[in-house]
Amino acid sequence: MPSPHLARATELRRRLLALSARIHGHPFWATPPGRTPAARVELRQRTAADRTQVAA
């Protein structure tokens, strides 16, 4: 019988994979390369800024 920690890790890994598949298939991320919506650019810029602040 697997330990509760391993069972929980497996459950979380499966959830992560399911959520990743949903995000990948979402129309927001389905634009062709080179045609990035302004909202996506802003999201990436904010994320990069947050990483910079955390690292400092």
Protein backbone atom coordinates (compact mmCIF):
# COMPACT_ATOMS: atom_id res chain seq x y z
CA MET A 1 0.00 0.00 0.00
CA PRO A 2 1.53 3.39 -1.00
CA SER A 3 2.21 5.95 1.68
CA PRO A 4 -0.25 8.87 2.01
CA HIS A 5 2.50 11.30 0.92
CA LEU A 6 3.11 9.43 -2.33
CA ALA A 7 -0.62 9.16 -2.99
CA ARG A 8 -1.01 12.93 -2.46
CA ALA A 9 1.96 13.67 -4.72
CA THR A 10 0.44 11.51 -7.45
CA GLU A 11 -2.91 13.27 -7.06
CA LEU A 12 -1.27 16.69 -7.30
CA ARG A 13 0.82 15.66 -10.32
CA ARG A 14 -2.31 14.47 -12.14
CA ARG A 15 -4.10 17.73 -11.33
CA LEU A 16 -1.14 19.74 -12.58
CA LEU A 17 -1.13 17.81 -15.85
CA ALA A 18 -4.88 18.32 -16.29
CA LEU A 19 -4.61 22.06 -15.61
CA SER A 20 -1.62 22.36 -17.94
CA ALA A 21 -3.62 20.73 -20.72
CA ARG A 22 -6.52 23.14 -20.13
CA ILE A 23 -4.21 26.15 -20.24
CA HIS A 24 -2.43 24.92 -23.35
CA GLY A 25 -5.72 24.49 -25.19
CA HIS A 26 -7.22 27.82 -24.12
CA PRO A 27 -7.83 30.31 -26.97
CA PHE A 28 -5.87 33.03 -25.13
CA TRP A 29 -2.67 31.07 -25.73
CA ALA A 30 -3.61 29.82 -29.21
CA THR A 31 -2.42 32.83 -31.24
CA PRO A 32 0.11 32.12 -33.96
CA PRO A 33 3.75 32.94 -33.22
CA GLY A 34 4.59 36.56 -33.95
CA ARG A 35 1.03 37.74 -33.34
CA THR A 36 0.98 38.20 -29.62
CA PRO A 37 -1.98 40.05 -28.13
CA ALA A 38 -1.07 43.09 -26.05
CA ALA A 39 -2.60 41.50 -22.94
CA ARG A 40 -0.24 38.55 -23.18
CA VAL A 41 2.76 40.85 -23.59
CA GLU A 42 1.68 42.81 -20.52
CA LEU A 43 1.23 39.59 -18.54
CA ARG A 44 4.75 38.46 -19.43
CA GLN A 45 6.19 41.86 -18.52
CA ARG A 46 4.45 41.86 -15.14
CA THR A 47 5.64 38.32 -14.45
CA ALA A 48 9.21 39.27 -15.32
CA ALA A 49 8.95 42.33 -13.06
CA ASP A 50 7.63 40.17 -10.20
CA ARG A 51 10.54 37.75 -10.61
CA THR A 52 13.00 40.63 -10.51
CA GLN A 53 11.47 42.00 -7.30
CA VAL A 54 11.50 38.56 -5.64
CA ALA A 55 15.14 37.99 -6.59
CA ALA A 56 16.20 41.35 -5.14
